[in-house]
Amino acid sequence: MSDQSGGGHVLDVGCGINKYPGAIGIDRIEGTRADVLCDLDRFPYPFADASFDQVRAVHVIEHVSDVIRTIEEFHRLLRTSGEVFIATPHYTDFSSFCDPTHRWHLNSFSLRYFGVDNAGFGYYSRARFNEKSVKVKLLALWRYLGLELLVNAFPRFRRFWEHYLCFIVRGKVIEWRLIKVEASKDAAPLATERLAAAQSETARR
């Protein structure tokens, strides 16, 4: 693993041409404002553990090949209590399915599996985060009518909206701010490790 350090700076993952001011940017495409070129689907990224106070991934997570592994990499790169900021289209927005490079279509509860409220699926990953905030941006008409404020003010109403209303009152963007906590030591093995073991066992038969 590389011993590069972010020195406490922000890491802008998939920075493109609009790199966050003062951040270290990474991208796979030449001609962007990236400071480091790397494939975002190949791990680890070329930085030491706990190198950054904040990781930003703005309209990136929907493009990666493995959401869980990517979030785990963000966890590795952050110092304890560091923050990851993630923005992605809500799955009911036109842009979520319009862009053929999008692999994933998420809702505002998609990252809960890394937290306490993991619905029993905490074994997906040992990486753990506390939700500092979850914000859903709605299409302009619903925002002007005050529904965006209602969705974001009350988590129970947001859940009701996700279950029953979101295909009528459509979302546009989800923004998460997640705070790193130390990896769970009592969690079951990673789902990817279990899958690899199963595949290895099948190959031996």
N, C-alpha and C. Protein backbone atom coordinates (compact mmCIF):
# COMPACT_ATOMS: atom_id res chain seq x y z
N MET A 1 0.84 -1.19 0.00
CA MET A 1 0.00 0.00 0.00
C MET A 1 0.88 1.25 0.00
N SER A 2 0.45 2.25 -0.74
CA SER A 2 1.21 3.49 -0.79
C SER A 2 1.22 4.17 0.57
N ASP A 3 2.30 4.92 0.84
CA ASP A 3 2.37 5.63 2.11
C ASP A 3 2.05 7.11 1.93
N GLN A 4 1.41 7.46 0.80
CA GLN A 4 1.00 8.84 0.62
C GLN A 4 0.03 9.22 1.73
N SER A 5 0.06 10.46 2.11
CA SER A 5 -0.86 10.94 3.14
C SER A 5 -1.55 12.19 2.66
N GLY A 6 -2.83 12.30 3.01
CA GLY A 6 -3.58 13.50 2.65
C GLY A 6 -3.31 14.66 3.57
N GLY A 7 -2.59 14.42 4.66
CA GLY A 7 -2.25 15.52 5.55
C GLY A 7 -3.45 16.21 6.15
N GLY A 8 -4.57 15.48 6.30
CA GLY A 8 -5.76 16.09 6.88
C GLY A 8 -6.64 16.79 5.87
N HIS A 9 -6.26 16.78 4.61
CA HIS A 9 -7.03 17.46 3.59
C HIS A 9 -8.26 16.66 3.19
N VAL A 10 -9.05 17.27 2.36
CA VAL A 10 -10.23 16.62 1.79
C VAL A 10 -9.81 15.82 0.56
N LEU A 11 -10.37 14.64 0.40
CA LEU A 11 -10.18 13.85 -0.81
C LEU A 11 -11.44 13.95 -1.65
N ASP A 12 -11.31 14.44 -2.88
CA ASP A 12 -12.44 14.57 -3.80
C ASP A 12 -12.36 13.41 -4.79
N VAL A 13 -13.23 12.42 -4.59
CA VAL A 13 -13.23 11.19 -5.40
C VAL A 13 -14.05 11.42 -6.66
N GLY A 14 -13.42 11.14 -7.83
CA GLY A 14 -14.10 11.41 -9.10
C GLY A 14 -14.31 12.89 -9.30
N CYS A 15 -13.26 13.67 -9.07
CA CYS A 15 -13.38 15.13 -9.01
C CYS A 15 -13.75 15.77 -10.34
N GLY A 16 -13.44 15.11 -11.46
CA GLY A 16 -13.74 15.70 -12.77
C GLY A 16 -13.04 17.04 -12.95
N ILE A 17 -13.74 17.98 -13.57
CA ILE A 17 -13.17 19.31 -13.80
C ILE A 17 -13.58 20.31 -12.74
N ASN A 18 -14.41 19.87 -11.79
CA ASN A 18 -14.91 20.77 -10.74
C ASN A 18 -14.43 20.31 -9.36
N LYS A 19 -13.13 20.20 -9.22
CA LYS A 19 -12.56 19.73 -7.96
C LYS A 19 -12.92 20.68 -6.82
N TYR A 20 -13.22 20.06 -5.67
CA TYR A 20 -13.57 20.84 -4.48
C TYR A 20 -12.36 21.69 -4.07
N PRO A 21 -12.58 22.98 -3.78
CA PRO A 21 -11.44 23.86 -3.46
C PRO A 21 -10.60 23.34 -2.30
N GLY A 22 -9.30 23.29 -2.53
CA GLY A 22 -8.36 22.86 -1.51
C GLY A 22 -8.21 21.35 -1.35
N ALA A 23 -9.01 20.59 -2.10
CA ALA A 23 -8.98 19.13 -1.96
C ALA A 23 -7.90 18.50 -2.82
N ILE A 24 -7.56 17.27 -2.47
CA ILE A 24 -6.79 16.41 -3.36
C ILE A 24 -7.80 15.66 -4.21
N GLY A 25 -7.67 15.75 -5.52
CA GLY A 25 -8.64 15.13 -6.41
C GLY A 25 -8.11 13.86 -7.04
N ILE A 26 -8.97 12.85 -7.14
CA ILE A 26 -8.62 11.64 -7.88
C ILE A 26 -9.69 11.38 -8.92
N ASP A 27 -9.24 10.88 -10.06
CA ASP A 27 -10.14 10.53 -11.15
C ASP A 27 -9.38 9.57 -12.06
N ARG A 28 -10.10 8.92 -12.94
CA ARG A 28 -9.43 7.99 -13.85
C ARG A 28 -9.18 8.60 -15.22
N ILE A 29 -9.69 9.82 -15.44
CA ILE A 29 -9.67 10.41 -16.76
C ILE A 29 -8.64 11.54 -16.83
N GLU A 30 -7.76 11.47 -17.80
CA GLU A 30 -6.81 12.57 -18.04
C GLU A 30 -7.57 13.79 -18.54
N GLY A 31 -7.06 14.96 -18.24
CA GLY A 31 -7.72 16.18 -18.65
C GLY A 31 -8.66 16.72 -17.60
N THR A 32 -8.85 15.99 -16.51
CA THR A 32 -9.61 16.49 -15.38
C THR A 32 -8.67 17.27 -14.48
N ARG A 33 -9.18 17.73 -13.35
CA ARG A 33 -8.33 18.46 -12.40
C ARG A 33 -7.77 17.53 -11.33
N ALA A 34 -7.74 16.25 -11.63
CA ALA A 34 -7.24 15.26 -10.67
C ALA A 34 -5.76 15.47 -10.38
N ASP A 35 -5.41 15.34 -9.12
CA ASP A 35 -4.00 15.34 -8.71
C ASP A 35 -3.40 13.96 -8.86
N VAL A 36 -4.25 12.93 -8.75
CA VAL A 36 -3.81 11.55 -8.87
C VAL A 36 -4.79 10.82 -9.79
N LEU A 37 -4.25 10.17 -10.83
CA LEU A 37 -5.07 9.36 -11.71
C LEU A 37 -5.10 7.92 -11.22
N CYS A 38 -6.29 7.38 -11.03
CA CYS A 38 -6.41 5.99 -10.62
C CYS A 38 -7.80 5.47 -10.98
N ASP A 39 -7.88 4.16 -11.12
CA ASP A 39 -9.14 3.50 -11.40
C ASP A 39 -9.91 3.39 -10.09
N LEU A 40 -11.10 4.01 -10.03
CA LEU A 40 -11.86 4.04 -8.78
C LEU A 40 -12.44 2.68 -8.42
N ASP A 41 -12.37 1.73 -9.33
CA ASP A 41 -12.84 0.37 -9.04
C ASP A 41 -11.73 -0.58 -8.63
N ARG A 42 -10.51 -0.06 -8.50
CA ARG A 42 -9.38 -0.88 -8.07
C ARG A 42 -8.91 -0.40 -6.70
N PHE A 43 -8.84 -1.34 -5.77
CA PHE A 43 -8.53 -1.00 -4.38
C PHE A 43 -7.22 -1.66 -3.95
N PRO A 44 -6.51 -1.02 -3.02
CA PRO A 44 -6.81 0.26 -2.39
C PRO A 44 -6.41 1.44 -3.27
N TYR A 45 -7.00 2.61 -2.97
CA TYR A 45 -6.54 3.83 -3.61
C TYR A 45 -5.15 4.15 -3.07
N PRO A 46 -4.37 4.94 -3.82
CA PRO A 46 -2.95 5.13 -3.45
C PRO A 46 -2.72 6.13 -2.32
N PHE A 47 -3.36 5.87 -1.18
CA PHE A 47 -3.18 6.69 0.02
C PHE A 47 -3.15 5.78 1.23
N ALA A 48 -2.43 6.22 2.25
CA ALA A 48 -2.34 5.44 3.49
C ALA A 48 -3.65 5.48 4.26
N ASP A 49 -3.80 4.53 5.17
CA ASP A 49 -4.97 4.51 6.04
C ASP A 49 -5.08 5.83 6.81
N ALA A 50 -6.34 6.24 7.06
CA ALA A 50 -6.62 7.41 7.91
C ALA A 50 -5.89 8.67 7.45
N SER A 51 -5.89 8.90 6.14
CA SER A 51 -5.16 10.05 5.60
C SER A 51 -5.99 11.33 5.54
N PHE A 52 -7.31 11.22 5.63
CA PHE A 52 -8.15 12.38 5.35
C PHE A 52 -9.17 12.62 6.46
N ASP A 53 -9.54 13.90 6.60
CA ASP A 53 -10.61 14.29 7.51
C ASP A 53 -11.96 14.24 6.82
N GLN A 54 -11.97 14.38 5.51
CA GLN A 54 -13.22 14.32 4.76
C GLN A 54 -12.99 13.68 3.40
N VAL A 55 -13.93 12.84 2.99
CA VAL A 55 -13.96 12.29 1.64
C VAL A 55 -15.25 12.76 0.99
N ARG A 56 -15.13 13.26 -0.23
CA ARG A 56 -16.30 13.71 -0.98
C ARG A 56 -16.45 12.85 -2.22
N ALA A 57 -17.68 12.42 -2.47
CA ALA A 57 -17.99 11.63 -3.66
C ALA A 57 -19.30 12.17 -4.23
N VAL A 58 -19.18 13.14 -5.10
CA VAL A 58 -20.35 13.84 -5.64
C VAL A 58 -20.68 13.27 -7.01
N HIS A 59 -21.81 12.61 -7.10
CA HIS A 59 -22.26 11.96 -8.33
C HIS A 59 -21.20 10.99 -8.85
N VAL A 60 -20.75 10.15 -7.93
CA VAL A 60 -19.75 9.13 -8.22
C VAL A 60 -20.26 7.74 -7.88
N ILE A 61 -20.93 7.60 -6.73
CA ILE A 61 -21.27 6.28 -6.21
C ILE A 61 -22.16 5.49 -7.17
N GLU A 62 -22.94 6.19 -7.98
CA GLU A 62 -23.82 5.50 -8.94
C GLU A 62 -23.04 4.90 -10.11
N HIS A 63 -21.76 5.27 -10.24
CA HIS A 63 -20.93 4.80 -11.36
C HIS A 63 -20.02 3.63 -10.99
N VAL A 64 -19.75 3.41 -9.72
CA VAL A 64 -18.74 2.42 -9.33
C VAL A 64 -19.27 1.00 -9.53
N SER A 65 -18.37 0.05 -9.57
CA SER A 65 -18.78 -1.34 -9.79
C SER A 65 -19.27 -2.01 -8.51
N ASP A 66 -18.81 -1.53 -7.34
CA ASP A 66 -19.15 -2.18 -6.08
C ASP A 66 -19.34 -1.10 -5.02
N VAL A 67 -20.60 -0.81 -4.69
CA VAL A 67 -20.90 0.25 -3.72
C VAL A 67 -20.33 -0.08 -2.35
N ILE A 68 -20.52 -1.31 -1.90
CA ILE A 68 -20.07 -1.68 -0.56
C ILE A 68 -18.56 -1.56 -0.44
N ARG A 69 -17.84 -2.07 -1.42
CA ARG A 69 -16.37 -2.01 -1.36
C ARG A 69 -15.89 -0.57 -1.43
N THR A 70 -16.56 0.27 -2.19
CA THR A 70 -16.18 1.68 -2.29
C THR A 70 -16.38 2.39 -0.96
N ILE A 71 -17.52 2.15 -0.30
CA ILE A 71 -17.76 2.77 1.01
C ILE A 71 -16.72 2.28 2.01
N GLU A 72 -16.35 1.01 1.94
CA GLU A 72 -15.31 0.48 2.82
C GLU A 72 -13.97 1.18 2.59
N GLU A 73 -13.69 1.52 1.33
CA GLU A 73 -12.45 2.23 1.04
C GLU A 73 -12.49 3.65 1.61
N PHE A 74 -13.65 4.30 1.52
CA PHE A 74 -13.79 5.61 2.14
C PHE A 74 -13.54 5.50 3.65
N HIS A 75 -14.06 4.45 4.25
CA HIS A 75 -13.88 4.23 5.69
C HIS A 75 -12.38 4.08 6.01
N ARG A 76 -11.67 3.33 5.20
CA ARG A 76 -10.23 3.15 5.41
C ARG A 76 -9.47 4.46 5.33
N LEU A 77 -9.84 5.30 4.40
CA LEU A 77 -9.11 6.54 4.15
C LEU A 77 -9.38 7.62 5.18
N LEU A 78 -10.51 7.52 5.88
CA LEU A 78 -10.88 8.55 6.85
C LEU A 78 -10.25 8.30 8.21
N ARG A 79 -9.91 9.39 8.88
CA ARG A 79 -9.56 9.31 10.29
C ARG A 79 -10.83 9.06 11.11
N THR A 80 -10.66 8.55 12.32
CA THR A 80 -11.81 8.34 13.19
C THR A 80 -12.56 9.65 13.37
N SER A 81 -13.87 9.60 13.23
CA SER A 81 -14.76 10.75 13.28
C SER A 81 -14.67 11.63 12.03
N GLY A 82 -13.93 11.17 11.01
CA GLY A 82 -13.93 11.88 9.73
C GLY A 82 -15.27 11.73 9.04
N GLU A 83 -15.51 12.58 8.06
CA GLU A 83 -16.82 12.64 7.40
C GLU A 83 -16.72 12.29 5.93
N VAL A 84 -17.68 11.50 5.46
CA VAL A 84 -17.82 11.28 4.03
C VAL A 84 -19.10 11.96 3.57
N PHE A 85 -18.98 12.74 2.50
CA PHE A 85 -20.13 13.41 1.89
C PHE A 85 -20.40 12.74 0.55
N ILE A 86 -21.61 12.21 0.39
CA ILE A 86 -21.98 11.49 -0.82
C ILE A 86 -23.24 12.12 -1.40
N ALA A 87 -23.22 12.42 -2.69
CA ALA A 87 -24.40 12.90 -3.39
C ALA A 87 -24.64 12.02 -4.60
N THR A 88 -25.90 11.67 -4.83
CA THR A 88 -26.26 10.79 -5.95
C THR A 88 -27.70 11.07 -6.35
N PRO A 89 -28.11 10.80 -7.58
CA PRO A 89 -29.51 10.98 -7.94
C PRO A 89 -30.42 10.05 -7.12
N HIS A 90 -31.56 10.56 -6.72
CA HIS A 90 -32.59 9.67 -6.17
C HIS A 90 -33.09 8.79 -7.30
N TYR A 91 -33.43 7.55 -6.98
CA TYR A 91 -33.76 6.61 -8.05
C TYR A 91 -35.03 6.95 -8.82
N THR A 92 -35.84 7.87 -8.31
CA THR A 92 -37.03 8.28 -9.06
C THR A 92 -36.76 9.46 -9.98
N ASP A 93 -35.56 10.00 -9.96
CA ASP A 93 -35.26 11.13 -10.83
C ASP A 93 -34.97 10.67 -12.25
N PHE A 94 -35.33 11.49 -13.20
CA PHE A 94 -35.10 11.22 -14.61
C PHE A 94 -33.64 10.88 -14.90
N SER A 95 -32.72 11.59 -14.24
CA SER A 95 -31.29 11.41 -14.54
C SER A 95 -30.76 10.07 -14.07
N SER A 96 -31.41 9.45 -13.07
CA SER A 96 -30.89 8.20 -12.53
C SER A 96 -30.84 7.11 -13.59
N PHE A 97 -31.89 7.00 -14.40
CA PHE A 97 -31.94 5.95 -15.42
C PHE A 97 -31.61 6.47 -16.82
N CYS A 98 -31.57 7.78 -16.99
CA CYS A 98 -31.26 8.34 -18.31
C CYS A 98 -29.80 8.12 -18.68
N ASP A 99 -28.91 8.24 -17.69
CA ASP A 99 -27.47 8.13 -17.96
C ASP A 99 -27.08 6.66 -18.05
N PRO A 100 -26.62 6.18 -19.22
CA PRO A 100 -26.30 4.76 -19.37
C PRO A 100 -25.06 4.33 -18.61
N THR A 101 -24.31 5.28 -18.04
CA THR A 101 -23.14 4.90 -17.24
C THR A 101 -23.50 4.67 -15.77
N HIS A 102 -24.75 4.91 -15.40
CA HIS A 102 -25.17 4.68 -14.01
C HIS A 102 -25.42 3.19 -13.80
N ARG A 103 -24.78 2.64 -12.78
CA ARG A 103 -24.95 1.22 -12.45
C ARG A 103 -25.92 1.00 -11.30
N TRP A 104 -26.09 2.01 -10.44
CA TRP A 104 -26.88 1.85 -9.23
C TRP A 104 -27.90 2.97 -9.11
N HIS A 105 -29.04 2.64 -8.54
CA HIS A 105 -30.16 3.57 -8.39
C HIS A 105 -30.61 3.47 -6.94
N LEU A 106 -30.29 4.49 -6.14
CA LEU A 106 -30.39 4.41 -4.69
C LEU A 106 -31.52 5.27 -4.15
N ASN A 107 -31.97 4.90 -2.93
CA ASN A 107 -32.90 5.78 -2.22
C ASN A 107 -32.25 6.25 -0.93
N SER A 108 -32.99 7.00 -0.13
CA SER A 108 -32.37 7.67 1.01
C SER A 108 -32.03 6.73 2.16
N PHE A 109 -32.42 5.46 2.07
CA PHE A 109 -32.09 4.49 3.10
C PHE A 109 -31.02 3.48 2.64
N SER A 110 -30.47 3.68 1.46
CA SER A 110 -29.56 2.69 0.88
C SER A 110 -28.26 2.50 1.65
N LEU A 111 -27.83 3.50 2.39
CA LEU A 111 -26.56 3.39 3.11
C LEU A 111 -26.74 3.07 4.59
N ARG A 112 -27.96 2.76 5.00
CA ARG A 112 -28.19 2.46 6.41
C ARG A 112 -27.50 1.16 6.83
N TYR A 113 -27.13 0.32 5.88
CA TYR A 113 -26.51 -0.97 6.20
C TYR A 113 -25.14 -0.81 6.84
N PHE A 114 -24.60 0.41 6.82
CA PHE A 114 -23.32 0.68 7.47
C PHE A 114 -23.51 1.27 8.86
N GLY A 115 -24.76 1.39 9.30
CA GLY A 115 -25.04 2.01 10.58
C GLY A 115 -25.75 1.09 11.55
N VAL A 116 -26.25 1.66 12.63
CA VAL A 116 -26.95 0.89 13.65
C VAL A 116 -28.26 0.35 13.11
N ASP A 117 -28.99 1.18 12.37
CA ASP A 117 -30.28 0.78 11.81
C ASP A 117 -30.05 0.05 10.49
N ASN A 118 -29.48 -1.17 10.58
CA ASN A 118 -29.11 -1.87 9.35
C ASN A 118 -30.10 -2.95 8.96
N ALA A 119 -31.27 -2.99 9.64
CA ALA A 119 -32.34 -3.94 9.31
C ALA A 119 -31.88 -5.39 9.34
N GLY A 120 -30.85 -5.67 10.15
CA GLY A 120 -30.36 -7.04 10.24
C GLY A 120 -29.34 -7.42 9.18
N PHE A 121 -28.95 -6.44 8.34
CA PHE A 121 -28.00 -6.72 7.27
C PHE A 121 -26.63 -6.13 7.56
N GLY A 122 -26.29 -5.99 8.84
CA GLY A 122 -24.99 -5.44 9.20
C GLY A 122 -23.83 -6.31 8.79
N TYR A 123 -24.10 -7.57 8.46
CA TYR A 123 -23.02 -8.47 8.04
C TYR A 123 -22.53 -8.17 6.63
N TYR A 124 -23.19 -7.25 5.91
CA TYR A 124 -22.70 -6.87 4.59
C TYR A 124 -21.28 -6.33 4.66
N SER A 125 -20.97 -5.64 5.77
CA SER A 125 -19.67 -4.98 5.87
C SER A 125 -19.32 -4.74 7.33
N ARG A 126 -18.02 -4.68 7.62
CA ARG A 126 -17.56 -4.30 8.96
C ARG A 126 -17.44 -2.79 9.10
N ALA A 127 -17.43 -2.06 8.00
CA ALA A 127 -17.30 -0.60 8.06
C ALA A 127 -18.55 0.00 8.69
N ARG A 128 -18.36 0.94 9.59
CA ARG A 128 -19.47 1.55 10.30
C ARG A 128 -19.41 3.07 10.25
N PHE A 129 -20.59 3.66 10.05
CA PHE A 129 -20.74 5.11 10.03
C PHE A 129 -21.99 5.49 10.83
N ASN A 130 -21.93 6.65 11.44
CA ASN A 130 -23.13 7.27 11.99
C ASN A 130 -23.66 8.28 11.00
N GLU A 131 -24.97 8.30 10.81
CA GLU A 131 -25.58 9.28 9.91
C GLU A 131 -25.62 10.64 10.60
N LYS A 132 -24.85 11.58 10.09
CA LYS A 132 -24.92 12.95 10.58
C LYS A 132 -26.14 13.63 9.98
N SER A 133 -26.37 13.39 8.70
CA SER A 133 -27.55 13.95 8.06
C SER A 133 -27.84 13.20 6.77
N VAL A 134 -29.12 13.18 6.42
CA VAL A 134 -29.56 12.69 5.11
C VAL A 134 -30.51 13.75 4.58
N LYS A 135 -30.21 14.26 3.40
CA LYS A 135 -31.06 15.30 2.80
C LYS A 135 -31.50 14.84 1.42
N VAL A 136 -32.80 14.94 1.19
CA VAL A 136 -33.35 14.64 -0.13
C VAL A 136 -33.78 15.94 -0.78
N LYS A 137 -33.32 16.16 -1.99
CA LYS A 137 -33.78 17.30 -2.78
C LYS A 137 -34.86 16.80 -3.73
N LEU A 138 -35.99 17.51 -3.76
CA LEU A 138 -37.09 17.13 -4.62
C LEU A 138 -37.10 17.98 -5.88
N LEU A 139 -37.87 17.54 -6.87
CA LEU A 139 -38.05 18.36 -8.07
C LEU A 139 -38.66 19.71 -7.69
N ALA A 140 -38.39 20.72 -8.51
CA ALA A 140 -38.68 22.11 -8.15
C ALA A 140 -40.13 22.34 -7.72
N LEU A 141 -41.08 21.74 -8.42
CA LEU A 141 -42.49 21.98 -8.08
C LEU A 141 -42.78 21.59 -6.64
N TRP A 142 -42.29 20.41 -6.22
CA TRP A 142 -42.56 19.93 -4.86
C TRP A 142 -41.77 20.73 -3.83
N ARG A 143 -40.61 21.21 -4.22
CA ARG A 143 -39.82 22.05 -3.31
C ARG A 143 -40.55 23.36 -3.05
N TYR A 144 -41.11 23.97 -4.11
CA TYR A 144 -41.83 25.22 -3.95
C TYR A 144 -43.09 25.06 -3.10
N LEU A 145 -43.67 23.87 -3.12
CA LEU A 145 -44.87 23.60 -2.33
C LEU A 145 -44.55 23.22 -0.89
N GLY A 146 -43.28 23.17 -0.54
CA GLY A 146 -42.88 22.91 0.83
C GLY A 146 -42.71 21.45 1.19
N LEU A 147 -42.87 20.54 0.23
CA LEU A 147 -42.79 19.12 0.55
C LEU A 147 -41.37 18.66 0.84
N GLU A 148 -40.38 19.33 0.23
CA GLU A 148 -38.99 18.97 0.51
C GLU A 148 -38.67 19.20 1.98
N LEU A 149 -39.14 20.30 2.53
CA LEU A 149 -38.93 20.59 3.95
C LEU A 149 -39.56 19.52 4.82
N LEU A 150 -40.76 19.09 4.46
CA LEU A 150 -41.47 18.07 5.22
C LEU A 150 -40.75 16.72 5.18
N VAL A 151 -40.28 16.34 4.00
CA VAL A 151 -39.57 15.06 3.84
C VAL A 151 -38.30 15.03 4.69
N ASN A 152 -37.60 16.14 4.73
CA ASN A 152 -36.32 16.18 5.44
C ASN A 152 -36.45 16.44 6.94
N ALA A 153 -37.57 17.01 7.36
CA ALA A 153 -37.74 17.35 8.78
C ALA A 153 -38.10 16.14 9.63
N PHE A 154 -38.74 15.14 9.03
CA PHE A 154 -39.26 14.02 9.81
C PHE A 154 -38.86 12.69 9.16
N PRO A 155 -37.90 11.96 9.76
CA PRO A 155 -37.46 10.69 9.18
C PRO A 155 -38.60 9.70 8.95
N ARG A 156 -39.58 9.68 9.84
CA ARG A 156 -40.71 8.76 9.64
C ARG A 156 -41.52 9.14 8.41
N PHE A 157 -41.67 10.43 8.18
CA PHE A 157 -42.38 10.85 6.97
C PHE A 157 -41.54 10.55 5.73
N ARG A 158 -40.22 10.69 5.85
CA ARG A 158 -39.36 10.35 4.71
C ARG A 158 -39.51 8.88 4.34
N ARG A 159 -39.60 8.02 5.36
CA ARG A 159 -39.81 6.60 5.09
C ARG A 159 -41.17 6.38 4.42
N PHE A 160 -42.20 7.06 4.92
CA PHE A 160 -43.53 6.97 4.30
C PHE A 160 -43.48 7.43 2.85
N TRP A 161 -42.77 8.54 2.61
CA TRP A 161 -42.62 9.06 1.25
C TRP A 161 -41.91 8.05 0.36
N GLU A 162 -40.83 7.44 0.84
CA GLU A 162 -40.10 6.45 0.04
C GLU A 162 -41.00 5.26 -0.31
N HIS A 163 -41.85 4.82 0.63
CA HIS A 163 -42.69 3.65 0.41
C HIS A 163 -43.88 3.94 -0.51
N TYR A 164 -44.51 5.11 -0.37
CA TYR A 164 -45.81 5.30 -0.98
C TYR A 164 -45.92 6.49 -1.94
N LEU A 165 -45.06 7.49 -1.81
CA LEU A 165 -45.29 8.73 -2.53
C LEU A 165 -44.22 9.10 -3.55
N CYS A 166 -43.05 8.47 -3.48
CA CYS A 166 -41.91 9.01 -4.22
C CYS A 166 -42.05 8.90 -5.73
N PHE A 167 -42.91 8.02 -6.24
CA PHE A 167 -43.11 7.98 -7.69
C PHE A 167 -44.10 9.03 -8.17
N ILE A 168 -44.74 9.70 -7.22
CA ILE A 168 -45.60 10.85 -7.56
C ILE A 168 -44.87 12.14 -7.22
N VAL A 169 -44.46 12.25 -5.95
CA VAL A 169 -43.63 13.38 -5.51
C VAL A 169 -42.18 12.94 -5.67
N ARG A 170 -41.63 13.14 -6.83
CA ARG A 170 -40.35 12.53 -7.19
C ARG A 170 -39.16 13.24 -6.55
N GLY A 171 -38.17 12.40 -6.17
CA GLY A 171 -36.92 12.94 -5.66
C GLY A 171 -36.01 13.37 -6.79
N LYS A 172 -34.96 14.11 -6.43
CA LYS A 172 -33.97 14.52 -7.43
C LYS A 172 -32.57 14.08 -7.01
N VAL A 173 -32.13 14.48 -5.82
CA VAL A 173 -30.78 14.17 -5.35
C VAL A 173 -30.85 13.78 -3.88
N ILE A 174 -29.99 12.82 -3.49
CA ILE A 174 -29.81 12.46 -2.09
C ILE A 174 -28.41 12.90 -1.68
N GLU A 175 -28.31 13.49 -0.49
CA GLU A 175 -27.02 13.87 0.07
C GLU A 175 -26.87 13.26 1.46
N TRP A 176 -25.80 12.50 1.65
CA TRP A 176 -25.49 11.93 2.95
C TRP A 176 -24.24 12.59 3.53
N ARG A 177 -24.26 12.80 4.83
CA ARG A 177 -23.05 13.12 5.59
C ARG A 177 -22.92 12.03 6.66
N LEU A 178 -21.88 11.22 6.53
CA LEU A 178 -21.68 10.07 7.39
C LEU A 178 -20.38 10.23 8.17
N ILE A 179 -20.42 9.91 9.45
CA ILE A 179 -19.26 10.05 10.32
C ILE A 179 -18.67 8.67 10.61
N LYS A 180 -17.39 8.54 10.36
CA LYS A 180 -16.72 7.25 10.56
C LYS A 180 -16.66 6.87 12.03
N VAL A 181 -17.02 5.62 12.32
CA VAL A 181 -16.73 5.00 13.60
C VAL A 181 -15.86 3.78 13.33
N GLU A 182 -15.19 3.30 14.35
CA GLU A 182 -14.28 2.18 14.14
C GLU A 182 -15.04 0.96 13.63
N ALA A 183 -14.38 0.18 12.79
CA ALA A 183 -15.01 -0.99 12.18
C ALA A 183 -15.51 -1.94 13.25
N SER A 184 -16.67 -2.53 12.98
CA SER A 184 -17.27 -3.47 13.92
C SER A 184 -16.39 -4.70 14.05
N LYS A 185 -16.06 -5.07 15.29
CA LYS A 185 -15.20 -6.23 15.53
C LYS A 185 -16.00 -7.51 15.70
N ASP A 186 -17.32 -7.36 15.94
CA ASP A 186 -18.13 -8.55 16.16
C ASP A 186 -19.04 -8.86 14.98
N ALA A 187 -18.86 -8.11 13.88
CA ALA A 187 -19.70 -8.36 12.71
C ALA A 187 -19.27 -9.66 12.04
N ALA A 188 -20.21 -10.24 11.32
CA ALA A 188 -19.89 -11.44 10.55
C ALA A 188 -18.93 -11.08 9.44
N PRO A 189 -18.25 -12.06 8.82
CA PRO A 189 -17.32 -11.77 7.73
C PRO A 189 -17.99 -10.99 6.61
N LEU A 190 -17.20 -10.27 5.90
CA LEU A 190 -17.70 -9.48 4.77
C LEU A 190 -18.42 -10.37 3.78
N ALA A 191 -19.48 -9.80 3.19
CA ALA A 191 -20.23 -10.56 2.20
C ALA A 191 -19.34 -10.97 1.04
N THR A 192 -18.40 -10.10 0.66
CA THR A 192 -17.51 -10.43 -0.45
C THR A 192 -16.59 -11.59 -0.11
N GLU A 193 -16.14 -11.65 1.15
CA GLU A 193 -15.29 -12.76 1.57
C GLU A 193 -16.07 -14.07 1.56
N ARG A 194 -17.31 -14.00 1.99
CA ARG A 194 -18.15 -15.19 2.02
C ARG A 194 -18.43 -15.69 0.60
N LEU A 195 -18.66 -14.75 -0.31
CA LEU A 195 -18.90 -15.11 -1.69
C LEU A 195 -17.66 -15.76 -2.30
N ALA A 196 -16.49 -15.18 -2.03
CA ALA A 196 -15.24 -15.74 -2.57
C ALA A 196 -15.01 -17.15 -2.05
N ALA A 197 -15.31 -17.37 -0.76
CA ALA A 197 -15.14 -18.71 -0.18
C ALA A 197 -16.09 -19.71 -0.82
N ALA A 198 -17.32 -19.26 -1.05
CA ALA A 198 -18.30 -20.16 -1.68
C ALA A 198 -17.89 -20.51 -3.10
N GLN A 199 -17.38 -19.51 -3.83
CA GLN A 199 -16.94 -19.76 -5.20
C GLN A 199 -15.75 -20.71 -5.22
N SER A 200 -14.84 -20.55 -4.25
CA SER A 200 -13.67 -21.43 -4.18
C SER A 200 -14.10 -22.86 -3.88
N GLU A 201 -15.07 -23.02 -2.99
CA GLU A 201 -15.56 -24.35 -2.65
C GLU A 201 -16.23 -24.99 -3.84
N THR A 202 -16.99 -24.19 -4.60
CA THR A 202 -17.66 -24.73 -5.80
C THR A 202 -16.64 -25.17 -6.84
N ALA A 203 -15.55 -24.40 -6.97
CA ALA A 203 -14.52 -24.72 -7.96
C ALA A 203 -13.79 -26.03 -7.61
N ARG A 204 -13.71 -26.34 -6.31
CA ARG A 204 -13.02 -27.56 -5.88
C ARG A 204 -13.85 -28.81 -6.11
N ARG A 205 -15.14 -28.64 -6.26
CA ARG A 205 -16.02 -29.81 -6.42
C ARG A 205 -15.94 -30.39 -7.83
